[in-house]
Amino acid sequence: MKDLKTYLDAAEKKMQEAVNYLDETLSRVRAGKANPKVLDVVRVEYYGSMMPLSQVANISTPDARTITIVPWEKPMFKVVEKALLDSNIGITPENNGEVIRLNFPPLTEERRRQLVKDAKGEGEKAKVSVRTARRECIEGLKKAVKDGMPEDVQKDGEEKVQKLHDKFLKKIDEVFAAKEKEILTV
């Protein structure tokens, strides 16, 4: 028979994963200023295998609206440029032969609202994951009662998982609020 801690630890792990996923997803949202994390999804063919862009080039942000990419090898310029064009980051690269630049235009008010709406949708998905983890934990505790767990331990477990649920929903709201503020800051 599993004990209460096993169920709570599993639920907390799933809830933390939901918050981490949300944080990672929102970090890739373009909020009007250059963020190298936007390029995490870009893969480049390098000697026959697909590699993350950060493993074949130096990536830096010299100012708030520009990302510069310097491939480690000269022949990689065209490959990196093609990978950037094929990716869905929505920025056309500028290549001067030594540096590839990505200039991020300022966001329009309408685009900012759309980004906030998309971020809110991601936040809702994370909340659903947290609720699912809570539900699975409670169902596991109810099955454990049938296997011999005392009912008062089960009730304590349900209260504890509810507190975990509330804590993680608050974290999700904080992550979303921070991203919303970042997006809406002109």
C-alpha atoms as a PDB file:
ATOM      1  CA  MET A   1       0.000   0.000   0.000  1.00  0.00           C
ATOM      2  CA  LYS A   2       1.294   3.437  -0.930  1.00  0.00           C
ATOM      3  CA  ASP A   3       1.462   6.042   1.789  1.00  0.00           C
ATOM      4  CA  LEU A   4       0.118   9.599   1.688  1.00  0.00           C
ATOM      5  CA  LYS A   5       3.509  11.159   0.943  1.00  0.00           C
ATOM      6  CA  THR A   6       3.843   9.125  -2.266  1.00  0.00           C
ATOM      7  CA  TYR A   7       0.576  10.501  -3.641  1.00  0.00           C
ATOM      8  CA  LEU A   8       1.355  14.085  -2.600  1.00  0.00           C
ATOM      9  CA  ASP A   9       4.889  13.969  -4.024  1.00  0.00           C
ATOM     10  CA  ALA A  10       3.610  12.678  -7.371  1.00  0.00           C
ATOM     11  CA  ALA A  11       0.947  15.400  -7.514  1.00  0.00           C
ATOM     12  CA  GLU A  12       3.429  18.128  -6.544  1.00  0.00           C
ATOM     13  CA  LYS A  13       5.890  16.938  -9.199  1.00  0.00           C
ATOM     14  CA  LYS A  14       3.214  17.092 -11.920  1.00  0.00           C
ATOM     15  CA  MET A  15       2.084  20.534 -10.757  1.00  0.00           C
ATOM     16  CA  GLN A  16       5.673  21.831 -10.746  1.00  0.00           C
ATOM     17  CA  GLU A  17       6.186  20.453 -14.258  1.00  0.00           C
ATOM     18  CA  ALA A  18       3.101  22.361 -15.430  1.00  0.00           C
ATOM     19  CA  VAL A  19       4.482  25.626 -13.994  1.00  0.00           C
ATOM     20  CA  ASN A  20       7.940  24.964 -15.499  1.00  0.00           C
ATOM     21  CA  TYR A  21       6.415  24.219 -18.899  1.00  0.00           C
ATOM     22  CA  LEU A  22       4.389  27.430 -18.776  1.00  0.00           C
ATOM     23  CA  ASP A  23       7.459  29.425 -17.805  1.00  0.00           C
ATOM     24  CA  GLU A  24       9.464  27.899 -20.658  1.00  0.00           C
ATOM     25  CA  THR A  25       6.662  28.439 -23.179  1.00  0.00           C
ATOM     26  CA  LEU A  26       6.110  32.069 -22.194  1.00  0.00           C
ATOM     27  CA  SER A  27       9.836  32.789 -22.310  1.00  0.00           C
ATOM     28  CA  ARG A  28       9.694  32.128 -26.061  1.00  0.00           C
ATOM     29  CA  VAL A  29       6.882  34.614 -26.649  1.00  0.00           C
ATOM     30  CA  ARG A  30       8.218  37.677 -28.412  1.00  0.00           C
ATOM     31  CA  ALA A  31       7.362  40.607 -26.161  1.00  0.00           C
ATOM     32  CA  GLY A  32       8.679  43.501 -28.240  1.00  0.00           C
ATOM     33  CA  LYS A  33      12.281  43.203 -27.177  1.00  0.00           C
ATOM     34  CA  ALA A  34      14.976  40.856 -28.361  1.00  0.00           C
ATOM     35  CA  ASN A  35      15.231  37.673 -26.315  1.00  0.00           C
ATOM     36  CA  PRO A  36      17.667  34.930 -27.390  1.00  0.00           C
ATOM     37  CA  LYS A  37      15.231  32.280 -26.076  1.00  0.00           C
ATOM     38  CA  VAL A  38      13.112  32.989 -29.166  1.00  0.00           C
ATOM     39  CA  LEU A  39      15.810  31.114 -31.107  1.00  0.00           C
ATOM     40  CA  ASP A  40      15.654  27.960 -28.938  1.00  0.00           C
ATOM     41  CA  VAL A  41      13.322  26.355 -31.478  1.00  0.00           C
ATOM     42  CA  VAL A  42      15.675  26.960 -34.437  1.00  0.00           C
ATOM     43  CA  ARG A  43      17.564  23.847 -35.565  1.00  0.00           C
ATOM     44  CA  VAL A  44      20.475  23.940 -38.020  1.00  0.00           C
ATOM     45  CA  GLU A  45      21.878  21.083 -40.094  1.00  0.00           C
ATOM     46  CA  TYR A  46      25.469  20.657 -38.978  1.00  0.00           C
ATOM     47  CA  TYR A  47      27.539  17.829 -40.473  1.00  0.00           C
ATOM     48  CA  GLY A  48      24.487  15.705 -41.145  1.00  0.00           C
ATOM     49  CA  SER A  49      22.624  16.151 -37.860  1.00  0.00           C
ATOM     50  CA  MET A  50      20.162  18.760 -36.639  1.00  0.00           C
ATOM     51  CA  MET A  51      21.657  20.936 -33.899  1.00  0.00           C
ATOM     52  CA  PRO A  52      20.227  23.831 -31.859  1.00  0.00           C
ATOM     53  CA  LEU A  53      21.379  27.170 -33.254  1.00  0.00           C
ATOM     54  CA  SER A  54      23.143  27.987 -29.976  1.00  0.00           C
ATOM     55  CA  GLN A  55      25.503  25.027 -30.545  1.00  0.00           C
ATOM     56  CA  VAL A  56      26.817  26.276 -33.898  1.00  0.00           C
ATOM     57  CA  ALA A  57      26.934  30.044 -33.358  1.00  0.00           C
ATOM     58  CA  ASN A  58      27.371  32.799 -30.792  1.00  0.00           C
ATOM     59  CA  ILE A  59      24.081  34.552 -30.041  1.00  0.00           C
ATOM     60  CA  SER A  60      24.003  37.967 -28.359  1.00  0.00           C
ATOM     61  CA  THR A  61      21.699  40.933 -27.851  1.00  0.00           C
ATOM     62  CA  PRO A  62      23.628  44.182 -28.344  1.00  0.00           C
ATOM     63  CA  ASP A  63      20.491  46.258 -27.715  1.00  0.00           C
ATOM     64  CA  ALA A  64      16.830  45.764 -26.808  1.00  0.00           C
ATOM     65  CA  ARG A  65      15.657  45.345 -30.408  1.00  0.00           C
ATOM     66  CA  THR A  66      18.472  43.311 -32.014  1.00  0.00           C
ATOM     67  CA  ILE A  67      19.871  39.801 -31.811  1.00  0.00           C
ATOM     68  CA  THR A  68      23.203  39.117 -33.490  1.00  0.00           C
ATOM     69  CA  ILE A  69      24.290  35.649 -34.566  1.00  0.00           C
ATOM     70  CA  VAL A  70      27.893  34.836 -35.467  1.00  0.00           C
ATOM     71  CA  PRO A  71      28.293  31.278 -36.802  1.00  0.00           C
ATOM     72  CA  TRP A  72      31.519  29.581 -35.721  1.00  0.00           C
ATOM     73  CA  GLU A  73      32.319  28.562 -39.311  1.00  0.00           C
ATOM     74  CA  LYS A  74      32.005  30.702 -42.457  1.00  0.00           C
ATOM     75  CA  PRO A  75      30.151  28.034 -44.505  1.00  0.00           C
ATOM     76  CA  MET A  76      27.418  27.989 -41.855  1.00  0.00           C
ATOM     77  CA  PHE A  77      26.152  31.516 -42.713  1.00  0.00           C
ATOM     78  CA  LYS A  78      23.816  30.328 -45.486  1.00  0.00           C
ATOM     79  CA  VAL A  79      22.640  27.299 -43.476  1.00  0.00           C
ATOM     80  CA  VAL A  80      21.885  29.441 -40.405  1.00  0.00           C
ATOM     81  CA  GLU A  81      20.134  32.064 -42.514  1.00  0.00           C
ATOM     82  CA  LYS A  82      17.990  29.393 -44.222  1.00  0.00           C
ATOM     83  CA  ALA A  83      17.102  27.848 -40.831  1.00  0.00           C
ATOM     84  CA  LEU A  84      16.028  31.283 -39.549  1.00  0.00           C
ATOM     85  CA  LEU A  85      13.870  31.876 -42.626  1.00  0.00           C
ATOM     86  CA  ASP A  86      12.295  28.398 -42.327  1.00  0.00           C
ATOM     87  CA  SER A  87      11.543  28.818 -38.611  1.00  0.00           C
ATOM     88  CA  ASN A  88       8.367  30.547 -37.511  1.00  0.00           C
ATOM     89  CA  ILE A  89       9.965  33.372 -35.516  1.00  0.00           C
ATOM     90  CA  GLY A  90       8.591  35.930 -37.962  1.00  0.00           C
ATOM     91  CA  ILE A  91      11.803  37.957 -38.413  1.00  0.00           C
ATOM     92  CA  THR A  92      13.809  38.189 -41.631  1.00  0.00           C
ATOM     93  CA  PRO A  93      17.559  37.895 -40.997  1.00  0.00           C
ATOM     94  CA  GLU A  94      20.034  40.457 -42.359  1.00  0.00           C
ATOM     95  CA  ASN A  95      23.444  39.054 -43.324  1.00  0.00           C
ATOM     96  CA  ASN A  96      26.482  41.252 -43.956  1.00  0.00           C
ATOM     97  CA  GLY A  97      28.933  38.355 -44.336  1.00  0.00           C
ATOM     98  CA  GLU A  98      30.288  38.587 -40.796  1.00  0.00           C
ATOM     99  CA  VAL A  99      27.173  38.848 -38.621  1.00  0.00           C
ATOM    100  CA  ILE A 100      23.537  37.833 -39.017  1.00  0.00           C
ATOM    101  CA  ARG A 101      21.197  40.379 -37.437  1.00  0.00           C
ATOM    102  CA  LEU A 102      17.588  39.977 -36.401  1.00  0.00           C
ATOM    103  CA  ASN A 103      15.888  43.338 -35.866  1.00  0.00           C
ATOM    104  CA  PHE A 104      12.697  43.155 -33.828  1.00  0.00           C
ATOM    105  CA  PRO A 105      10.170  45.837 -34.797  1.00  0.00           C
ATOM    106  CA  PRO A 106       8.093  47.415 -32.027  1.00  0.00           C
ATOM    107  CA  LEU A 107       4.812  45.587 -31.462  1.00  0.00           C
ATOM    108  CA  THR A 108       1.501  47.189 -32.370  1.00  0.00           C
ATOM    109  CA  GLU A 109      -1.203  47.497 -29.715  1.00  0.00           C
ATOM    110  CA  GLU A 110      -3.313  44.893 -31.522  1.00  0.00           C
ATOM    111  CA  ARG A 111      -0.380  42.435 -31.624  1.00  0.00           C
ATOM    112  CA  ARG A 112       0.296  43.012 -27.917  1.00  0.00           C
ATOM    113  CA  ARG A 113      -3.316  42.159 -27.080  1.00  0.00           C
ATOM    114  CA  GLN A 114      -3.088  39.001 -29.205  1.00  0.00           C
ATOM    115  CA  LEU A 115       0.123  37.943 -27.428  1.00  0.00           C
ATOM    116  CA  VAL A 116      -1.514  38.494 -24.024  1.00  0.00           C
ATOM    117  CA  LYS A 117      -4.494  36.414 -25.173  1.00  0.00           C
ATOM    118  CA  ASP A 118      -2.156  33.606 -26.335  1.00  0.00           C
ATOM    119  CA  ALA A 119      -0.214  33.756 -23.062  1.00  0.00           C
ATOM    120  CA  LYS A 120      -3.457  33.556 -21.104  1.00  0.00           C
ATOM    121  CA  GLY A 121      -4.403  30.449 -23.115  1.00  0.00           C
ATOM    122  CA  GLU A 122      -1.079  28.831 -22.170  1.00  0.00           C
ATOM    123  CA  GLY A 123      -1.748  29.760 -18.542  1.00  0.00           C
ATOM    124  CA  GLU A 124      -5.147  28.063 -18.717  1.00  0.00           C
ATOM    125  CA  LYS A 125      -3.546  24.896 -20.119  1.00  0.00           C
ATOM    126  CA  ALA A 126      -1.136  24.882 -17.167  1.00  0.00           C
ATOM    127  CA  LYS A 127      -4.041  25.331 -14.739  1.00  0.00           C
ATOM    128  CA  VAL A 128      -5.837  22.370 -16.332  1.00  0.00           C
ATOM    129  CA  SER A 129      -2.689  20.263 -15.820  1.00  0.00           C
ATOM    130  CA  VAL A 130      -2.550  21.276 -12.149  1.00  0.00           C
ATOM    131  CA  ARG A 131      -6.234  20.425 -11.689  1.00  0.00           C
ATOM    132  CA  THR A 132      -5.714  17.075 -13.392  1.00  0.00           C
ATOM    133  CA  ALA A 133      -2.826  16.270 -11.043  1.00  0.00           C
ATOM    134  CA  ARG A 134      -5.050  17.129  -8.066  1.00  0.00           C
ATOM    135  CA  ARG A 135      -7.881  14.958  -9.373  1.00  0.00           C
ATOM    136  CA  GLU A 136      -5.534  11.999 -10.008  1.00  0.00           C
ATOM    137  CA  CYS A 137      -4.137  12.316  -6.483  1.00  0.00           C
ATOM    138  CA  ILE A 138      -7.592  12.375  -4.916  1.00  0.00           C
ATOM    139  CA  GLU A 139      -8.674   9.358  -6.984  1.00  0.00           C
ATOM    140  CA  GLY A 140      -5.521   7.516  -5.887  1.00  0.00           C
ATOM    141  CA  LEU A 141      -6.261   8.331  -2.254  1.00  0.00           C
ATOM    142  CA  LYS A 142      -9.832   7.007  -2.601  1.00  0.00           C
ATOM    143  CA  LYS A 143      -8.499   3.754  -4.062  1.00  0.00           C
ATOM    144  CA  ALA A 144      -5.982   3.560  -1.206  1.00  0.00           C
ATOM    145  CA  VAL A 145      -8.853   3.687   1.326  1.00  0.00           C
ATOM    146  CA  LYS A 146     -10.196   0.503  -0.278  1.00  0.00           C
ATOM    147  CA  ASP A 147      -6.723  -1.024   0.151  1.00  0.00           C
ATOM    148  CA  GLY A 148      -6.646  -0.217   3.850  1.00  0.00           C
ATOM    149  CA  MET A 149      -5.650   3.443   4.226  1.00  0.00           C
ATOM    150  CA  PRO A 150      -7.522   5.102   7.117  1.00  0.00           C
ATOM    151  CA  GLU A 151     -10.213   7.560   5.975  1.00  0.00           C
ATOM    152  CA  ASP A 152      -8.887  10.373   8.175  1.00  0.00           C
ATOM    153  CA  VAL A 153      -5.494  10.066   6.438  1.00  0.00           C
ATOM    154  CA  GLN A 154      -7.293  10.239   3.094  1.00  0.00           C
ATOM    155  CA  LYS A 155      -9.173  13.399   4.167  1.00  0.00           C
ATOM    156  CA  ASP A 156      -5.910  14.983   5.366  1.00  0.00           C
ATOM    157  CA  GLY A 157      -4.375  14.081   2.007  1.00  0.00           C
ATOM    158  CA  GLU A 158      -7.220  15.722   0.121  1.00  0.00           C
ATOM    159  CA  GLU A 159      -6.775  18.908   2.154  1.00  0.00           C
ATOM    160  CA  LYS A 160      -3.019  18.896   1.532  1.00  0.00           C
ATOM    161  CA  VAL A 161      -3.386  18.329  -2.206  1.00  0.00           C
ATOM    162  CA  GLN A 162      -5.932  21.163  -2.320  1.00  0.00           C
ATOM    163  CA  LYS A 163      -3.385  23.464  -0.654  1.00  0.00           C
ATOM    164  CA  LEU A 164      -0.768  22.365  -3.208  1.00  0.00           C
ATOM    165  CA  HIS A 165      -3.287  23.024  -5.976  1.00  0.00           C
ATOM    166  CA  ASP A 166      -3.985  26.534  -4.676  1.00  0.00           C
ATOM    167  CA  LYS A 167      -0.253  27.268  -4.301  1.00  0.00           C
ATOM    168  CA  PHE A 168       0.519  26.230  -7.884  1.00  0.00           C
ATOM    169  CA  LEU A 169      -2.457  28.094  -9.357  1.00  0.00           C
ATOM    170  CA  LYS A 170      -1.137  31.201  -7.617  1.00  0.00           C
ATOM    171  CA  LYS A 171       2.324  30.568  -9.144  1.00  0.00           C
ATOM    172  CA  ILE A 172       0.754  30.240 -12.596  1.00  0.00           C
ATOM    173  CA  ASP A 173      -1.106  33.522 -12.113  1.00  0.00           C
ATOM    174  CA  GLU A 174       2.160  35.213 -11.048  1.00  0.00           C
ATOM    175  CA  VAL A 175       4.050  33.878 -14.093  1.00  0.00           C
ATOM    176  CA  PHE A 176       1.252  35.034 -16.414  1.00  0.00           C
ATOM    177  CA  ALA A 177       0.998  38.466 -14.742  1.00  0.00           C
ATOM    178  CA  ALA A 178       4.746  39.012 -15.149  1.00  0.00           C
ATOM    179  CA  LYS A 179       4.598  38.069 -18.832  1.00  0.00           C
ATOM    180  CA  GLU A 180       1.495  40.211 -19.392  1.00  0.00           C
ATOM    181  CA  LYS A 181       3.288  43.195 -17.876  1.00  0.00           C
ATOM    182  CA  GLU A 182       6.333  42.524 -20.072  1.00  0.00           C
ATOM    183  CA  ILE A 183       4.194  42.294 -23.225  1.00  0.00           C
ATOM    184  CA  LEU A 184       2.168  45.410 -22.499  1.00  0.00           C
ATOM    185  CA  THR A 185       5.198  47.534 -21.557  1.00  0.00           C
ATOM    186  CA  VAL A 186       5.923  49.756 -24.523  1.00  0.00           C
END
